[in-house]
């Protein structure tokens, strides 16, 4: 799935979390978060759900819709 990298970074920064802190809160590795935020890779649905839960948002907020691609 294609992650909305700007939204992911924005949500993480709004919550004043470093990538390492988000790693601990979500259970998603730092390397995966780094790759997602930099658009290097897409995210698995399970990964997106974990990040969304840690950030307190719906998983749909982290995924690009057809209009944004």
PDB file of N, CA and C in Angstrom:
ATOM      1  N   UNK A   1       0.845  -1.180   0.000  1.00  0.00           N
ATOM      2  CA  UNK A   1       0.000   0.000   0.000  1.00  0.00           C
ATOM      3  C   UNK A   1       0.889   1.241   0.000  1.00  0.00           C
ATOM      4  N   UNK A   2       0.442   2.230  -0.709  1.00  0.00           N
ATOM      5  CA  UNK A   2       1.227   3.462  -0.775  1.00  0.00           C
ATOM      6  C   UNK A   2       0.874   4.369   0.400  1.00  0.00           C
ATOM      7  N   UNK A   3       1.881   4.685   1.183  1.00  0.00           N
ATOM      8  CA  UNK A   3       1.706   5.498   2.390  1.00  0.00           C
ATOM      9  C   UNK A   3       1.802   6.978   2.032  1.00  0.00           C
ATOM     10  N   UNK A   4       0.940   7.774   2.638  1.00  0.00           N
ATOM     11  CA  UNK A   4       1.002   9.229   2.493  1.00  0.00           C
ATOM     12  C   UNK A   4       2.132   9.715   3.399  1.00  0.00           C
ATOM     13  N   UNK A   5       3.317   9.846   2.820  1.00  0.00           N
ATOM     14  CA  UNK A   5       4.518  10.140   3.611  1.00  0.00           C
ATOM     15  C   UNK A   5       4.422  11.481   4.329  1.00  0.00           C
ATOM     16  N   UNK A   6       3.841  12.458   3.694  1.00  0.00           N
ATOM     17  CA  UNK A   6       3.706  13.774   4.335  1.00  0.00           C
ATOM     18  C   UNK A   6       2.806  13.692   5.556  1.00  0.00           C
ATOM     19  N   UNK A   7       1.725  12.946   5.428  1.00  0.00           N
ATOM     20  CA  UNK A   7       0.772  12.821   6.546  1.00  0.00           C
ATOM     21  C   UNK A   7       1.400  12.040   7.694  1.00  0.00           C
ATOM     22  N   UNK A   8       2.114  10.964   7.388  1.00  0.00           N
ATOM     23  CA  UNK A   8       2.778  10.175   8.420  1.00  0.00           C
ATOM     24  C   UNK A   8       3.765  11.039   9.198  1.00  0.00           C
ATOM     25  N   UNK A   9       4.596  11.771   8.478  1.00  0.00           N
ATOM     26  CA  UNK A   9       5.591  12.638   9.129  1.00  0.00           C
ATOM     27  C   UNK A   9       4.906  13.734   9.942  1.00  0.00           C
ATOM     28  N   UNK A  10       3.854  14.325   9.370  1.00  0.00           N
ATOM     29  CA  UNK A  10       3.121  15.388  10.055  1.00  0.00           C
ATOM     30  C   UNK A  10       2.521  14.887  11.370  1.00  0.00           C
ATOM     31  N   UNK A  11       1.868  13.739  11.338  1.00  0.00           N
ATOM     32  CA  UNK A  11       1.256  13.194  12.547  1.00  0.00           C
ATOM     33  C   UNK A  11       2.305  12.875  13.603  1.00  0.00           C
ATOM     34  N   UNK A  12       3.432  12.297  13.174  1.00  0.00           N
ATOM     35  CA  UNK A  12       4.491  11.963  14.125  1.00  0.00           C
ATOM     36  C   UNK A  12       5.040  13.227  14.780  1.00  0.00           C
ATOM     37  N   UNK A  13       5.258  14.259  13.987  1.00  0.00           N
ATOM     38  CA  UNK A  13       5.799  15.513  14.525  1.00  0.00           C
ATOM     39  C   UNK A  13       4.795  16.238  15.410  1.00  0.00           C
ATOM     40  N   UNK A  14       3.504  16.201  15.047  1.00  0.00           N
ATOM     41  CA  UNK A  14       2.471  16.831  15.872  1.00  0.00           C
ATOM     42  C   UNK A  14       2.426  16.215  17.261  1.00  0.00           C
ATOM     43  N   UNK A  15       2.738  14.939  17.329  1.00  0.00           N
ATOM     44  CA  UNK A  15       2.727  14.229  18.613  1.00  0.00           C
ATOM     45  C   UNK A  15       4.093  14.270  19.297  1.00  0.00           C
ATOM     46  N   UNK A  16       5.004  15.033  18.697  1.00  0.00           N
ATOM     47  CA  UNK A  16       6.354  15.244  19.225  1.00  0.00           C
ATOM     48  C   UNK A  16       7.032  13.894  19.504  1.00  0.00           C
ATOM     49  N   UNK A  17       7.003  13.048  18.488  1.00  0.00           N
ATOM     50  CA  UNK A  17       7.637  11.739  18.587  1.00  0.00           C
ATOM     51  C   UNK A  17       8.805  11.648  17.618  1.00  0.00           C
ATOM     52  N   UNK A  18       9.896  11.104  18.087  1.00  0.00           N
ATOM     53  CA  UNK A  18      10.989  10.786  17.166  1.00  0.00           C
ATOM     54  C   UNK A  18      10.636   9.460  16.494  1.00  0.00           C
ATOM     55  N   UNK A  19      11.380   9.109  15.472  1.00  0.00           N
ATOM     56  CA  UNK A  19      11.149   7.816  14.830  1.00  0.00           C
ATOM     57  C   UNK A  19      11.389   6.682  15.819  1.00  0.00           C
ATOM     58  N   UNK A  20      12.372   6.836  16.684  1.00  0.00           N
ATOM     59  CA  UNK A  20      12.664   5.811  17.703  1.00  0.00           C
ATOM     60  C   UNK A  20      11.496   5.670  18.688  1.00  0.00           C
ATOM     61  N   UNK A  21      10.916   6.797  19.087  1.00  0.00           N
ATOM     62  CA  UNK A  21       9.779   6.744  20.010  1.00  0.00           C
ATOM     63  C   UNK A  21       8.571   6.103  19.346  1.00  0.00           C
ATOM     64  N   UNK A  22       8.355   6.401  18.067  1.00  0.00           N
ATOM     65  CA  UNK A  22       7.256   5.774  17.332  1.00  0.00           C
ATOM     66  C   UNK A  22       7.514   4.278  17.180  1.00  0.00           C
ATOM     67  N   UNK A  23       8.767   3.905  17.031  1.00  0.00           N
ATOM     68  CA  UNK A  23       9.138   2.490  16.956  1.00  0.00           C
ATOM     69  C   UNK A  23       8.669   1.769  18.221  1.00  0.00           C
ATOM     70  N   UNK A  24       8.968   2.331  19.377  1.00  0.00           N
ATOM     71  CA  UNK A  24       8.596   1.721  20.648  1.00  0.00           C
ATOM     72  C   UNK A  24       7.073   1.683  20.805  1.00  0.00           C
ATOM     73  N   UNK A  25       6.410   2.778  20.474  1.00  0.00           N
ATOM     74  CA  UNK A  25       4.964   2.877  20.654  1.00  0.00           C
ATOM     75  C   UNK A  25       4.186   1.956  19.716  1.00  0.00           C
ATOM     76  N   UNK A  26       4.722   1.725  18.507  1.00  0.00           N
ATOM     77  CA  UNK A  26       3.975   0.972  17.504  1.00  0.00           C
ATOM     78  C   UNK A  26       4.435  -0.475  17.336  1.00  0.00           C
ATOM     79  N   UNK A  27       5.681  -0.748  17.695  1.00  0.00           N
ATOM     80  CA  UNK A  27       6.217  -2.080  17.442  1.00  0.00           C
ATOM     81  C   UNK A  27       6.720  -2.240  16.018  1.00  0.00           C
ATOM     82  N   UNK A  28       6.776  -1.143  15.269  1.00  0.00           N
ATOM     83  CA  UNK A  28       7.290  -1.135  13.899  1.00  0.00           C
ATOM     84  C   UNK A  28       8.740  -0.676  13.957  1.00  0.00           C
ATOM     85  N   UNK A  29       9.621  -1.373  13.266  1.00  0.00           N
ATOM     86  CA  UNK A  29      11.044  -1.056  13.366  1.00  0.00           C
ATOM     87  C   UNK A  29      11.364   0.344  12.849  1.00  0.00           C
ATOM     88  N   UNK A  30      12.423   0.903  13.417  1.00  0.00           N
ATOM     89  CA  UNK A  30      12.907   2.214  12.995  1.00  0.00           C
ATOM     90  C   UNK A  30      13.178   2.224  11.492  1.00  0.00           C
ATOM     91  N   UNK A  31      13.825   1.181  10.996  1.00  0.00           N
ATOM     92  CA  UNK A  31      14.166   1.130   9.568  1.00  0.00           C
ATOM     93  C   UNK A  31      12.923   1.170   8.695  1.00  0.00           C
ATOM     94  N   UNK A  32      11.884   0.484   9.111  1.00  0.00           N
ATOM     95  CA  UNK A  32      10.636   0.494   8.341  1.00  0.00           C
ATOM     96  C   UNK A  32      10.011   1.881   8.368  1.00  0.00           C
ATOM     97  N   UNK A  33       9.973   2.511   9.523  1.00  0.00           N
ATOM     98  CA  UNK A  33       9.411   3.861   9.630  1.00  0.00           C
ATOM     99  C   UNK A  33      10.209   4.819   8.753  1.00  0.00           C
ATOM    100  N   UNK A  34      11.526   4.711   8.800  1.00  0.00           N
ATOM    101  CA  UNK A  34      12.386   5.560   7.975  1.00  0.00           C
ATOM    102  C   UNK A  34      12.067   5.363   6.486  1.00  0.00           C
ATOM    103  N   UNK A  35      11.978   4.111   6.067  1.00  0.00           N
ATOM    104  CA  UNK A  35      11.706   3.826   4.650  1.00  0.00           C
ATOM    105  C   UNK A  35      10.325   4.325   4.229  1.00  0.00           C
ATOM    106  N   UNK A  36       9.349   4.203   5.110  1.00  0.00           N
ATOM    107  CA  UNK A  36       8.005   4.692   4.802  1.00  0.00           C
ATOM    108  C   UNK A  36       7.988   6.215   4.697  1.00  0.00           C
ATOM    109  N   UNK A  37       8.582   6.893   5.668  1.00  0.00           N
ATOM    110  CA  UNK A  37       8.576   8.362   5.673  1.00  0.00           C
ATOM    111  C   UNK A  37       9.349   8.950   4.505  1.00  0.00           C
ATOM    112  N   UNK A  38      10.293   8.218   3.980  1.00  0.00           N
ATOM    113  CA  UNK A  38      11.086   8.718   2.862  1.00  0.00           C
ATOM    114  C   UNK A  38      10.626   8.167   1.516  1.00  0.00           C
ATOM    115  N   UNK A  39       9.499   7.477   1.510  1.00  0.00           N
ATOM    116  CA  UNK A  39       8.912   6.990   0.271  1.00  0.00           C
ATOM    117  C   UNK A  39       9.723   5.904  -0.414  1.00  0.00           C
ATOM    118  N   UNK A  40      10.579   5.240   0.322  1.00  0.00           N
ATOM    119  CA  UNK A  40      11.423   4.197  -0.262  1.00  0.00           C
ATOM    120  C   UNK A  40      10.629   2.917  -0.484  1.00  0.00           C
ATOM    121  N   UNK A  41       9.673   2.672   0.385  1.00  0.00           N
ATOM    122  CA  UNK A  41       8.881   1.453   0.296  1.00  0.00           C
ATOM    123  C   UNK A  41       7.442   1.737   0.678  1.00  0.00           C
ATOM    124  N   UNK A  42       6.552   0.852   0.265  1.00  0.00           N
ATOM    125  CA  UNK A  42       5.157   0.932   0.672  1.00  0.00           C
ATOM    126  C   UNK A  42       4.979   0.179   1.973  1.00  0.00           C
ATOM    127  N   UNK A  43       3.819   0.266   2.544  1.00  0.00           N
ATOM    128  CA  UNK A  43       3.579  -0.379   3.825  1.00  0.00           C
ATOM    129  C   UNK A  43       2.620  -1.541   3.713  1.00  0.00           C
ATOM    130  N   UNK A  44       2.860  -2.549   4.508  1.00  0.00           N
ATOM    131  CA  UNK A  44       1.931  -3.657   4.628  1.00  0.00           C
ATOM    132  C   UNK A  44       0.728  -3.182   5.451  1.00  0.00           C
ATOM    133  N   UNK A  45      -0.460  -3.708   5.170  1.00  0.00           N
ATOM    134  CA  UNK A  45      -1.640  -3.274   5.939  1.00  0.00           C
ATOM    135  C   UNK A  45      -1.446  -3.383   7.454  1.00  0.00           C
ATOM    136  N   UNK A  46      -0.825  -4.451   7.919  1.00  0.00           N
ATOM    137  CA  UNK A  46      -0.606  -4.634   9.352  1.00  0.00           C
ATOM    138  C   UNK A  46       0.294  -3.524   9.908  1.00  0.00           C
ATOM    139  N   UNK A  47       1.324  -3.162   9.151  1.00  0.00           N
ATOM    140  CA  UNK A  47       2.247  -2.104   9.578  1.00  0.00           C
ATOM    141  C   UNK A  47       1.523  -0.771   9.672  1.00  0.00           C
ATOM    142  N   UNK A  48       0.714  -0.476   8.684  1.00  0.00           N
ATOM    143  CA  UNK A  48      -0.037   0.784   8.667  1.00  0.00           C
ATOM    144  C   UNK A  48      -1.008   0.837   9.842  1.00  0.00           C
ATOM    145  N   UNK A  49      -1.656  -0.286  10.139  1.00  0.00           N
ATOM    146  CA  UNK A  49      -2.571  -0.320  11.287  1.00  0.00           C
ATOM    147  C   UNK A  49      -1.831  -0.070  12.596  1.00  0.00           C
ATOM    148  N   UNK A  50      -0.652  -0.662  12.753  1.00  0.00           N
ATOM    149  CA  UNK A  50       0.136  -0.461  13.974  1.00  0.00           C
ATOM    150  C   UNK A  50       0.541   1.002  14.137  1.00  0.00           C
ATOM    151  N   UNK A  51       1.001   1.607  13.050  1.00  0.00           N
ATOM    152  CA  UNK A  51       1.399   3.013  13.108  1.00  0.00           C
ATOM    153  C   UNK A  51       0.200   3.907  13.413  1.00  0.00           C
ATOM    154  N   UNK A  52      -0.917   3.634  12.761  1.00  0.00           N
ATOM    155  CA  UNK A  52      -2.125   4.431  12.973  1.00  0.00           C
ATOM    156  C   UNK A  52      -2.577   4.345  14.426  1.00  0.00           C
ATOM    157  N   UNK A  53      -2.553   3.144  14.991  1.00  0.00           N
ATOM    158  CA  UNK A  53      -2.959   2.980  16.381  1.00  0.00           C
ATOM    159  C   UNK A  53      -2.046   3.773  17.312  1.00  0.00           C
ATOM    160  N   UNK A  54      -0.742   3.699  17.082  1.00  0.00           N
ATOM    161  CA  UNK A  54       0.221   4.424  17.910  1.00  0.00           C
ATOM    162  C   UNK A  54       0.041   5.937  17.787  1.00  0.00           C
ATOM    163  N   UNK A  55      -0.389   6.390  16.610  1.00  0.00           N
ATOM    164  CA  UNK A  55      -0.576   7.827  16.377  1.00  0.00           C
ATOM    165  C   UNK A  55      -1.992   8.294  16.723  1.00  0.00           C
ATOM    166  N   UNK A  56      -2.874   7.350  17.034  1.00  0.00           N
ATOM    167  CA  UNK A  56      -4.234   7.700  17.431  1.00  0.00           C
ATOM    168  C   UNK A  56      -5.124   8.145  16.289  1.00  0.00           C
ATOM    169  N   UNK A  57      -4.903   7.565  15.104  1.00  0.00           N
ATOM    170  CA  UNK A  57      -5.718   7.921  13.940  1.00  0.00           C
ATOM    171  C   UNK A  57      -6.222   6.653  13.258  1.00  0.00           C
ATOM    172  N   UNK A  58      -7.146   6.823  12.343  1.00  0.00           N
ATOM    173  CA  UNK A  58      -7.628   5.723  11.520  1.00  0.00           C
ATOM    174  C   UNK A  58      -6.562   5.380  10.482  1.00  0.00           C
ATOM    175  N   UNK A  59      -6.402   4.113  10.181  1.00  0.00           N
ATOM    176  CA  UNK A  59      -5.384   3.676   9.221  1.00  0.00           C
ATOM    177  C   UNK A  59      -5.555   4.352   7.856  1.00  0.00           C
ATOM    178  N   UNK A  60      -6.778   4.674   7.489  1.00  0.00           N
ATOM    179  CA  UNK A  60      -7.032   5.327   6.212  1.00  0.00           C
ATOM    180  C   UNK A  60      -6.349   6.675   6.071  1.00  0.00           C
ATOM    181  N   UNK A  61      -6.039   7.310   7.183  1.00  0.00           N
ATOM    182  CA  UNK A  61      -5.356   8.614   7.135  1.00  0.00           C
ATOM    183  C   UNK A  61      -3.909   8.496   6.675  1.00  0.00           C
ATOM    184  N   UNK A  62      -3.357   7.306   6.748  1.00  0.00           N
ATOM    185  CA  UNK A  62      -1.949   7.113   6.382  1.00  0.00           C
ATOM    186  C   UNK A  62      -1.762   6.582   4.967  1.00  0.00           C
ATOM    187  N   UNK A  63      -2.874   6.309   4.280  1.00  0.00           N
ATOM    188  CA  UNK A  63      -2.792   5.719   2.949  1.00  0.00           C
ATOM    189  C   UNK A  63      -3.213   6.743   1.899  1.00  0.00           C
ATOM    190  N   UNK A  64      -2.448   6.769   0.817  1.00  0.00           N
ATOM    191  CA  UNK A  64      -2.804   7.664  -0.286  1.00  0.00           C
ATOM    192  C   UNK A  64      -4.023   7.119  -0.997  1.00  0.00           C
ATOM    193  N   UNK A  65      -4.940   8.013  -1.327  1.00  0.00           N
ATOM    194  CA  UNK A  65      -6.099   7.626  -2.113  1.00  0.00           C
ATOM    195  C   UNK A  65      -5.750   7.743  -3.578  1.00  0.00           C
ATOM    196  N   UNK A  66      -6.610   7.292  -4.436  1.00  0.00           N
ATOM    197  CA  UNK A  66      -6.369   7.351  -5.871  1.00  0.00           C
ATOM    198  C   UNK A  66      -6.131   8.770  -6.370  1.00  0.00           C
ATOM    199  N   UNK A  67      -6.768   9.765  -5.749  1.00  0.00           N
ATOM    200  CA  UNK A  67      -6.633  11.154  -6.171  1.00  0.00           C
ATOM    201  C   UNK A  67      -5.255  11.726  -5.846  1.00  0.00           C
ATOM    202  N   UNK A  68      -4.606  11.196  -4.818  1.00  0.00           N
ATOM    203  CA  UNK A  68      -3.328  11.754  -4.355  1.00  0.00           C
ATOM    204  C   UNK A  68      -2.120  11.173  -5.063  1.00  0.00           C
ATOM    205  N   UNK A  69      -2.304  10.100  -5.792  1.00  0.00           N
ATOM    206  CA  UNK A  69      -1.183   9.410  -6.430  1.00  0.00           C
ATOM    207  C   UNK A  69      -0.630  10.149  -7.577  1.00  0.00           C
TER     208      UNK A  69
END
